[in-house]
C-alpha atoms as a PDB file:
ATOM      1  CA  MET A   1      -0.878  13.224 -14.951  1.00  0.00           C
ATOM      2  CA  LYS A   2      -4.366  12.123 -16.033  1.00  0.00           C
ATOM      3  CA  LYS A   3      -2.847   9.256 -18.040  1.00  0.00           C
ATOM      4  CA  ASP A   4      -0.602   8.172 -15.170  1.00  0.00           C
ATOM      5  CA  LYS A   5      -2.727   5.329 -13.862  1.00  0.00           C
ATOM      6  CA  LEU A   6      -2.013   2.564 -11.396  1.00  0.00           C
ATOM      7  CA  VAL A   7      -2.800  -0.800 -12.993  1.00  0.00           C
ATOM      8  CA  ILE A   8      -3.237  -3.893 -10.834  1.00  0.00           C
ATOM      9  CA  GLY A   9      -4.475  -7.140 -12.316  1.00  0.00           C
ATOM     10  CA  GLY A  10      -5.803  -5.330 -15.370  1.00  0.00           C
ATOM     11  CA  HIS A  11      -7.793  -2.806 -13.292  1.00  0.00           C
ATOM     12  CA  GLU A  12      -6.979   0.905 -13.533  1.00  0.00           C
ATOM     13  CA  PHE A  13      -6.899   3.350 -10.632  1.00  0.00           C
ATOM     14  CA  GLN A  14      -6.314   7.098 -10.594  1.00  0.00           C
ATOM     15  CA  SER A  15      -5.495   7.189  -6.883  1.00  0.00           C
ATOM     16  CA  ARG A  16      -2.270   5.760  -5.502  1.00  0.00           C
ATOM     17  CA  PHE A  17      -3.435   6.016  -1.901  1.00  0.00           C
ATOM     18  CA  ILE A  18      -4.777   2.679  -0.644  1.00  0.00           C
ATOM     19  CA  LEU A  19      -6.568   2.736   2.675  1.00  0.00           C
ATOM     20  CA  GLY A  20      -6.119   0.140   5.358  1.00  0.00           C
ATOM     21  CA  SER A  21      -9.482   0.378   7.091  1.00  0.00           C
ATOM     22  CA  GLY A  22      -8.928  -1.914  10.061  1.00  0.00           C
ATOM     23  CA  LYS A  23      -8.463   0.785  12.725  1.00  0.00           C
ATOM     24  CA  PHE A  24     -11.210   3.209  11.757  1.00  0.00           C
ATOM     25  CA  SER A  25     -14.592   3.500  13.366  1.00  0.00           C
ATOM     26  CA  LEU A  26     -17.301   2.542  10.915  1.00  0.00           C
ATOM     27  CA  GLU A  27     -18.693   6.085  10.959  1.00  0.00           C
ATOM     28  CA  MET A  28     -15.300   7.563  10.034  1.00  0.00           C
ATOM     29  CA  THR A  29     -14.571   5.195   7.136  1.00  0.00           C
ATOM     30  CA  ASN A  30     -16.518   7.043   4.452  1.00  0.00           C
ATOM     31  CA  ALA A  31     -15.125  10.471   5.389  1.00  0.00           C
ATOM     32  CA  VAL A  32     -11.558   9.176   5.179  1.00  0.00           C
ATOM     33  CA  ILE A  33     -12.205   7.576   1.796  1.00  0.00           C
ATOM     34  CA  GLN A  34     -13.706  10.780   0.416  1.00  0.00           C
ATOM     35  CA  ASN A  35     -11.027  13.108   1.818  1.00  0.00           C
ATOM     36  CA  GLY A  36      -8.225  10.805   0.763  1.00  0.00           C
ATOM     37  CA  GLY A  37      -9.526  10.301  -2.769  1.00  0.00           C
ATOM     38  CA  VAL A  38      -9.250   6.573  -2.078  1.00  0.00           C
ATOM     39  CA  GLU A  39     -10.374   4.066  -4.730  1.00  0.00           C
ATOM     40  CA  MET A  40      -9.279   0.871  -2.959  1.00  0.00           C
ATOM     41  CA  ALA A  41      -9.661  -0.038   0.714  1.00  0.00           C
ATOM     42  CA  THR A  42      -8.874  -3.150   2.696  1.00  0.00           C
ATOM     43  CA  LEU A  43     -11.595  -5.126   4.370  1.00  0.00           C
ATOM     44  CA  ALA A  44     -11.112  -7.437   7.342  1.00  0.00           C
ATOM     45  CA  LEU A  45     -13.630 -10.228   6.889  1.00  0.00           C
ATOM     46  CA  ARG A  46     -14.562 -10.185  10.571  1.00  0.00           C
ATOM     47  CA  ARG A  47     -15.941  -6.650  10.068  1.00  0.00           C
ATOM     48  CA  ALA A  48     -18.168  -7.682   7.156  1.00  0.00           C
ATOM     49  CA  ASN A  49     -21.114  -8.635   9.331  1.00  0.00           C
ATOM     50  CA  VAL A  50     -23.415  -9.407   6.425  1.00  0.00           C
ATOM     51  CA  GLY A  51     -27.064  -9.040   7.375  1.00  0.00           C
ATOM     52  CA  GLY A  52     -26.262  -7.752  10.850  1.00  0.00           C
ATOM     53  CA  GLU A  53     -25.418  -4.530  12.633  1.00  0.00           C
ATOM     54  CA  GLY A  54     -21.998  -2.940  12.382  1.00  0.00           C
ATOM     55  CA  ASN A  55     -21.287  -4.066   8.828  1.00  0.00           C
ATOM     56  CA  ILE A  56     -18.368  -2.135   7.341  1.00  0.00           C
ATOM     57  CA  LEU A  57     -19.727  -2.778   3.838  1.00  0.00           C
ATOM     58  CA  ASP A  58     -22.571  -0.366   4.655  1.00  0.00           C
ATOM     59  CA  TYR A  59     -20.005   2.412   5.077  1.00  0.00           C
ATOM     60  CA  MET A  60     -18.056   1.789   1.873  1.00  0.00           C
ATOM     61  CA  PRO A  61     -18.945   3.881  -1.208  1.00  0.00           C
ATOM     62  CA  GLU A  62     -20.417   1.863  -4.073  1.00  0.00           C
ATOM     63  CA  ASN A  63     -17.524   2.660  -6.414  1.00  0.00           C
ATOM     64  CA  ILE A  64     -14.774   1.539  -4.009  1.00  0.00           C
ATOM     65  CA  THR A  65     -12.692  -1.521  -4.881  1.00  0.00           C
ATOM     66  CA  LEU A  66     -12.652  -3.837  -1.902  1.00  0.00           C
ATOM     67  CA  LEU A  67      -9.382  -5.465  -0.930  1.00  0.00           C
ATOM     68  CA  PRO A  68     -10.254  -8.230   1.556  1.00  0.00           C
ATOM     69  CA  ASN A  69      -7.263  -9.180   3.638  1.00  0.00           C
ATOM     70  CA  THR A  70      -6.492 -12.467   5.322  1.00  0.00           C
ATOM     71  CA  SER A  71      -5.771 -10.827   8.664  1.00  0.00           C
ATOM     72  CA  GLY A  72      -5.562 -13.446  11.401  1.00  0.00           C
ATOM     73  CA  ALA A  73      -4.222 -16.195   9.131  1.00  0.00           C
ATOM     74  CA  ARG A  74      -1.231 -18.037  10.570  1.00  0.00           C
ATOM     75  CA  THR A  75      -0.714 -20.451   7.665  1.00  0.00           C
ATOM     76  CA  ALA A  76      -1.186 -20.507   3.913  1.00  0.00           C
ATOM     77  CA  GLU A  77      -4.136 -22.864   4.375  1.00  0.00           C
ATOM     78  CA  GLU A  78      -5.927 -20.405   6.649  1.00  0.00           C
ATOM     79  CA  ALA A  79      -5.244 -17.513   4.258  1.00  0.00           C
ATOM     80  CA  VAL A  80      -6.695 -19.457   1.330  1.00  0.00           C
ATOM     81  CA  ARG A  81      -9.805 -20.305   3.342  1.00  0.00           C
ATOM     82  CA  ILE A  82     -10.396 -16.645   4.264  1.00  0.00           C
ATOM     83  CA  ALA A  83      -9.874 -15.492   0.661  1.00  0.00           C
ATOM     84  CA  ARG A  84     -12.395 -18.006  -0.670  1.00  0.00           C
ATOM     85  CA  LEU A  85     -14.939 -16.983   1.950  1.00  0.00           C
ATOM     86  CA  ALA A  86     -14.517 -13.312   1.047  1.00  0.00           C
ATOM     87  CA  ARG A  87     -15.213 -14.116  -2.594  1.00  0.00           C
ATOM     88  CA  GLU A  88     -18.323 -16.088  -1.658  1.00  0.00           C
ATOM     89  CA  LEU A  89     -19.566 -13.097   0.338  1.00  0.00           C
ATOM     90  CA  GLY A  90     -19.350 -10.941  -2.799  1.00  0.00           C
ATOM     91  CA  CYS A  91     -16.176  -9.012  -1.990  1.00  0.00           C
ATOM     92  CA  GLY A  92     -14.688  -9.595  -5.450  1.00  0.00           C
ATOM     93  CA  ASP A  93     -11.482 -11.161  -6.712  1.00  0.00           C
ATOM     94  CA  PHE A  94      -8.914  -8.868  -5.106  1.00  0.00           C
ATOM     95  CA  VAL A  95      -7.226 -10.226  -1.992  1.00  0.00           C
ATOM     96  CA  LYS A  96      -4.401  -9.003   0.211  1.00  0.00           C
ATOM     97  CA  ILE A  97      -2.513 -11.962   1.613  1.00  0.00           C
ATOM     98  CA  GLU A  98      -1.376 -11.578   5.216  1.00  0.00           C
ATOM     99  CA  VAL A  99       0.130 -14.591   6.932  1.00  0.00           C
ATOM    100  CA  ILE A 100       1.477 -13.762  10.389  1.00  0.00           C
ATOM    101  CA  HIS A 101       2.191 -16.209  13.190  1.00  0.00           C
ATOM    102  CA  ASP A 102       4.742 -14.039  15.010  1.00  0.00           C
ATOM    103  CA  SER A 103       2.613 -12.447  17.725  1.00  0.00           C
ATOM    104  CA  LYS A 104       5.406 -10.236  19.135  1.00  0.00           C
ATOM    105  CA  TYR A 105       6.794  -8.432  16.096  1.00  0.00           C
ATOM    106  CA  LEU A 106       3.934  -9.204  13.685  1.00  0.00           C
ATOM    107  CA  MET A 107       6.325  -9.931  10.847  1.00  0.00           C
ATOM    108  CA  PRO A 108       4.837 -11.611   7.761  1.00  0.00           C
ATOM    109  CA  ASP A 109       5.729 -15.231   7.018  1.00  0.00           C
ATOM    110  CA  ASN A 110       7.116 -14.829   3.511  1.00  0.00           C
ATOM    111  CA  TYR A 111       7.210 -18.528   2.717  1.00  0.00           C
ATOM    112  CA  GLU A 112       3.635 -19.321   3.726  1.00  0.00           C
ATOM    113  CA  THR A 113       2.668 -16.188   1.771  1.00  0.00           C
ATOM    114  CA  ILE A 114       4.259 -17.616  -1.376  1.00  0.00           C
ATOM    115  CA  LYS A 115       2.253 -20.833  -0.957  1.00  0.00           C
ATOM    116  CA  ALA A 116      -1.041 -18.977  -0.539  1.00  0.00           C
ATOM    117  CA  THR A 117      -0.286 -16.686  -3.479  1.00  0.00           C
ATOM    118  CA  GLU A 118       0.315 -19.604  -5.841  1.00  0.00           C
ATOM    119  CA  ILE A 119      -2.919 -21.362  -4.857  1.00  0.00           C
ATOM    120  CA  LEU A 120      -5.129 -18.280  -5.075  1.00  0.00           C
ATOM    121  CA  ALA A 121      -3.605 -16.936  -8.297  1.00  0.00           C
ATOM    122  CA  LYS A 122      -4.459 -20.258  -9.973  1.00  0.00           C
ATOM    123  CA  GLU A 123      -8.059 -19.783  -8.786  1.00  0.00           C
ATOM    124  CA  GLY A 124      -8.313 -16.413 -10.517  1.00  0.00           C
ATOM    125  CA  PHE A 125      -7.762 -14.127  -7.545  1.00  0.00           C
ATOM    126  CA  ILE A 126      -5.914 -10.843  -7.987  1.00  0.00           C
ATOM    127  CA  VAL A 127      -3.364 -11.486  -5.269  1.00  0.00           C
ATOM    128  CA  MET A 128      -1.523  -8.691  -3.476  1.00  0.00           C
ATOM    129  CA  PRO A 129       0.823 -10.259  -0.901  1.00  0.00           C
ATOM    130  CA  TYR A 130       2.107  -8.387   2.148  1.00  0.00           C
ATOM    131  CA  MET A 131       5.746  -9.329   2.700  1.00  0.00           C
ATOM    132  CA  TYR A 132       9.073  -8.452   4.219  1.00  0.00           C
ATOM    133  CA  PRO A 133      11.113  -6.881   1.380  1.00  0.00           C
ATOM    134  CA  ASP A 134      13.384  -9.722   0.329  1.00  0.00           C
ATOM    135  CA  LEU A 135      14.328  -9.754  -3.349  1.00  0.00           C
ATOM    136  CA  ASN A 136      14.369 -13.538  -3.712  1.00  0.00           C
ATOM    137  CA  VAL A 137      10.971 -13.828  -2.050  1.00  0.00           C
ATOM    138  CA  ALA A 138       9.600 -11.087  -4.303  1.00  0.00           C
ATOM    139  CA  ARG A 139      10.794 -13.013  -7.345  1.00  0.00           C
ATOM    140  CA  SER A 140       9.070 -16.136  -6.050  1.00  0.00           C
ATOM    141  CA  LEU A 141       5.846 -14.179  -5.480  1.00  0.00           C
ATOM    142  CA  GLU A 142       6.035 -12.828  -9.020  1.00  0.00           C
ATOM    143  CA  SER A 143       6.494 -16.356 -10.371  1.00  0.00           C
ATOM    144  CA  ALA A 144       3.601 -17.554  -8.199  1.00  0.00           C
ATOM    145  CA  GLY A 145       1.239 -15.128  -9.929  1.00  0.00           C
ATOM    146  CA  ALA A 146       1.085 -12.091  -7.626  1.00  0.00           C
ATOM    147  CA  ALA A 147      -0.538  -9.020  -9.181  1.00  0.00           C
ATOM    148  CA  ALA A 148       1.436  -6.626  -6.974  1.00  0.00           C
ATOM    149  CA  ILE A 149       3.979  -6.806  -4.176  1.00  0.00           C
ATOM    150  CA  MET A 150       3.326  -5.096  -0.824  1.00  0.00           C
ATOM    151  CA  PRO A 151       6.574  -4.785   1.181  1.00  0.00           C
ATOM    152  CA  LEU A 152       6.498  -3.347   4.675  1.00  0.00           C
ATOM    153  CA  GLY A 153       8.224  -0.049   5.371  1.00  0.00           C
ATOM    154  CA  ALA A 154       8.479  -0.779   9.102  1.00  0.00           C
ATOM    155  CA  PRO A 155       6.739  -3.110  11.574  1.00  0.00           C
ATOM    156  CA  ILE A 156       2.978  -2.932  11.221  1.00  0.00           C
ATOM    157  CA  GLY A 157       1.331  -0.181  13.247  1.00  0.00           C
ATOM    158  CA  SER A 158       4.669   1.349  14.281  1.00  0.00           C
ATOM    159  CA  ASN A 159       4.496   4.623  12.265  1.00  0.00           C
ATOM    160  CA  ARG A 160       8.311   4.502  12.020  1.00  0.00           C
ATOM    161  CA  GLY A 161       8.578   5.184   8.299  1.00  0.00           C
ATOM    162  CA  LEU A 162      10.828   3.669   5.636  1.00  0.00           C
ATOM    163  CA  LEU A 163      13.195   1.536   7.698  1.00  0.00           C
ATOM    164  CA  THR A 164      13.485  -0.911   4.787  1.00  0.00           C
ATOM    165  CA  LYS A 165      14.100   1.758   2.147  1.00  0.00           C
ATOM    166  CA  ASP A 166      17.204   0.157   0.592  1.00  0.00           C
ATOM    167  CA  PHE A 167      15.492  -3.224   0.248  1.00  0.00           C
ATOM    168  CA  ILE A 168      12.366  -1.683  -1.261  1.00  0.00           C
ATOM    169  CA  LYS A 169      14.554   0.068  -3.842  1.00  0.00           C
ATOM    170  CA  MET A 170      15.887  -3.351  -4.894  1.00  0.00           C
ATOM    171  CA  LEU A 171      12.328  -4.511  -5.546  1.00  0.00           C
ATOM    172  CA  ILE A 172      11.577  -1.385  -7.566  1.00  0.00           C
ATOM    173  CA  ASP A 173      14.637  -1.997  -9.711  1.00  0.00           C
ATOM    174  CA  GLU A 174      14.178  -5.741 -10.222  1.00  0.00           C
ATOM    175  CA  ILE A 175      10.481  -6.694  -9.988  1.00  0.00           C
ATOM    176  CA  ASP A 176       8.150  -6.033 -12.916  1.00  0.00           C
ATOM    177  CA  LEU A 177       5.027  -5.618 -10.781  1.00  0.00           C
ATOM    178  CA  PRO A 178       3.464  -2.676  -8.931  1.00  0.00           C
ATOM    179  CA  ILE A 179       5.271  -2.133  -5.631  1.00  0.00           C
ATOM    180  CA  ILE A 180       3.027  -0.841  -2.846  1.00  0.00           C
ATOM    181  CA  VAL A 181       4.541   0.141   0.490  1.00  0.00           C
ATOM    182  CA  ASP A 182       2.364  -1.273   3.240  1.00  0.00           C
ATOM    183  CA  ALA A 183       2.816  -0.913   7.007  1.00  0.00           C
ATOM    184  CA  GLY A 184       4.938   1.475   9.017  1.00  0.00           C
ATOM    185  CA  ILE A 185       4.324   4.723   7.150  1.00  0.00           C
ATOM    186  CA  GLY A 186       3.641   7.270   9.892  1.00  0.00           C
ATOM    187  CA  ARG A 187       3.633  10.688   8.223  1.00  0.00           C
ATOM    188  CA  PRO A 188       2.614  12.204   4.908  1.00  0.00           C
ATOM    189  CA  SER A 189       6.259  13.183   4.372  1.00  0.00           C
ATOM    190  CA  GLN A 190       7.234   9.503   4.600  1.00  0.00           C
ATOM    191  CA  ALA A 191       4.557   8.591   2.071  1.00  0.00           C
ATOM    192  CA  CYS A 192       5.938  11.284  -0.218  1.00  0.00           C
ATOM    193  CA  GLU A 193       9.458   9.899   0.226  1.00  0.00           C
ATOM    194  CA  ALA A 194       8.272   6.425  -0.728  1.00  0.00           C
ATOM    195  CA  MET A 195       6.622   7.758  -3.876  1.00  0.00           C
ATOM    196  CA  GLU A 196       9.741   9.749  -4.790  1.00  0.00           C
ATOM    197  CA  LEU A 197      11.666   6.483  -4.493  1.00  0.00           C
ATOM    198  CA  GLY A 198       9.516   5.037  -7.269  1.00  0.00           C
ATOM    199  CA  VAL A 199       6.954   2.841  -5.546  1.00  0.00           C
ATOM    200  CA  ASP A 200       3.593   2.670  -7.283  1.00  0.00           C
ATOM    201  CA  ALA A 201       1.334   3.298  -4.290  1.00  0.00           C
ATOM    202  CA  VAL A 202       1.236   3.610  -0.520  1.00  0.00           C
ATOM    203  CA  MET A 203      -1.137   1.996   1.951  1.00  0.00           C
ATOM    204  CA  ALA A 204      -1.781   3.761   5.244  1.00  0.00           C
ATOM    205  CA  ASN A 205      -3.943   2.903   8.219  1.00  0.00           C
ATOM    206  CA  THR A 206      -2.568   3.632  11.691  1.00  0.00           C
ATOM    207  CA  ALA A 207      -1.032   6.977  10.749  1.00  0.00           C
ATOM    208  CA  VAL A 208      -4.410   8.291   9.641  1.00  0.00           C
ATOM    209  CA  ALA A 209      -6.547   6.520  12.237  1.00  0.00           C
ATOM    210  CA  THR A 210      -4.502   7.839  15.185  1.00  0.00           C
ATOM    211  CA  ALA A 211      -4.347  11.469  14.014  1.00  0.00           C
ATOM    212  CA  LYS A 212      -6.144  14.173  15.996  1.00  0.00           C
ATOM    213  CA  ASP A 213      -8.086  15.209  12.869  1.00  0.00           C
ATOM    214  CA  VAL A 214      -8.575  12.012  10.899  1.00  0.00           C
ATOM    215  CA  PRO A 215     -10.281  13.408   7.744  1.00  0.00           C
ATOM    216  CA  LEU A 216      -7.701  16.185   7.482  1.00  0.00           C
ATOM    217  CA  MET A 217      -4.853  13.675   7.798  1.00  0.00           C
ATOM    218  CA  ALA A 218      -6.423  11.650   4.984  1.00  0.00           C
ATOM    219  CA  THR A 219      -6.283  14.775   2.832  1.00  0.00           C
ATOM    220  CA  ALA A 220      -2.647  15.328   3.809  1.00  0.00           C
ATOM    221  CA  PHE A 221      -1.724  11.795   2.759  1.00  0.00           C
ATOM    222  CA  ARG A 222      -3.516  12.203  -0.570  1.00  0.00           C
ATOM    223  CA  LEU A 223      -1.624  15.395  -1.367  1.00  0.00           C
ATOM    224  CA  ALA A 224       1.724  13.970  -0.219  1.00  0.00           C
ATOM    225  CA  ILE A 225       1.329  10.861  -2.358  1.00  0.00           C
ATOM    226  CA  GLU A 226       0.383  12.954  -5.374  1.00  0.00           C
ATOM    227  CA  ALA A 227       3.371  15.262  -4.803  1.00  0.00           C
ATOM    228  CA  GLY A 228       5.770  12.351  -4.434  1.00  0.00           C
ATOM    229  CA  ARG A 229       4.526  10.741  -7.630  1.00  0.00           C
ATOM    230  CA  SER A 230       4.877  14.031  -9.536  1.00  0.00           C
ATOM    231  CA  ALA A 231       8.432  14.453  -8.226  1.00  0.00           C
ATOM    232  CA  TYR A 232       9.338  10.915  -9.313  1.00  0.00           C
ATOM    233  CA  LEU A 233       7.933  11.450 -12.798  1.00  0.00           C
ATOM    234  CA  ALA A 234       9.674  14.828 -13.084  1.00  0.00           C
ATOM    235  CA  GLY A 235      13.023  13.308 -12.121  1.00  0.00           C
ATOM    236  CA  LEU A 236      14.680  14.451  -8.931  1.00  0.00           C
ATOM    237  CA  GLY A 237      17.586  16.885  -9.248  1.00  0.00           C
ATOM    238  CA  ARG A 238      21.158  15.801  -8.629  1.00  0.00           C
ATOM    239  CA  VAL A 239      22.782  15.921  -5.208  1.00  0.00           C
ATOM    240  CA  LEU A 240      26.197  17.498  -4.609  1.00  0.00           C
ATOM    241  CA  GLU A 241      27.917  15.813  -1.683  1.00  0.00           C
ATOM    242  CA  SER A 242      30.913  18.048  -0.983  1.00  0.00           C
ATOM    243  CA  LYS A 243      30.278  21.521  -2.379  1.00  0.00           C
ATOM    244  CA  GLY A 244      27.645  24.078  -3.188  1.00  0.00           C
ATOM    245  CA  GLU A 245      26.659  25.510  -6.559  1.00  0.00           C
ATOM    246  CA  ALA A 246      25.224  28.944  -7.222  1.00  0.00           C
ATOM    247  CA  SER A 247      21.683  28.968  -8.518  1.00  0.00           C
ATOM    248  CA  SER A 248      22.563  32.014 -10.680  1.00  0.00           C
ATOM    249  CA  PRO A 249      25.833  33.038 -12.423  1.00  0.00           C
ATOM    250  CA  LEU A 250      28.301  34.778 -10.092  1.00  0.00           C
ATOM    251  CA  THR A 251      30.477  36.376 -12.783  1.00  0.00           C
ATOM    252  CA  GLY A 252      29.856  38.751 -15.642  1.00  0.00           C
ATOM    253  CA  PHE A 253      26.772  40.492 -14.302  1.00  0.00           C
ATOM    254  CA  LEU A 254      28.614  43.855 -13.768  1.00  0.00           C
ATOM    255  CA  GLN A 255      30.132  43.913 -17.220  1.00  0.00           C
ATOM    256  CA  ASP A 256      28.750  46.146 -19.971  1.00  0.00           C
END
């Protein structure tokens, strides 16, 4: 398992648990990162109060890879502007593209996301677009230069799990990029299921942030993601739909 690394844009990661940090108190951020074994965490630019009080960057470990997101962007143009500003502030070249103008369901605008991805990839960003799992859109994002694809499992913040499981499986089978389930994962068991399916990583935020014991839930997600990845690599056993099968021989054991 030590050689089983997640590679995004030429960068290697041991952990496959990516933290969405938007809903955590600043004081809790570091504990969650440590307990979850997290190596990459999102960063909403509005929380990077550089030079002032309440700066989330002060609570991030030095070795963490920052993943600024374009939260709040309603168009590709706005997303590009936020990404450029994050780079100027020293947040690095990674960027998670979020373009959402649907205020009721908070569904990503796949087509504006494609536009932003193409522009930023040409500028040397390592672009990780958040998207509704549509195979044709995923292909367009790959062609536009995305470094990974981040399909939603369920509506953002809902904790409803893998409602889009069948569509995510299509992406796994057809897209030659890391597939990271983002949004909707509500339980460690659902994160494990996603990893067993063959996704490369899972991002969680609300499920951890709203737990009664937040650091302990971060640990639970880390272990579930590791278990799901191990199960996928081991190869899941076959499923018998209409009959059972003895786990040990039923004949011959009384014979001399």
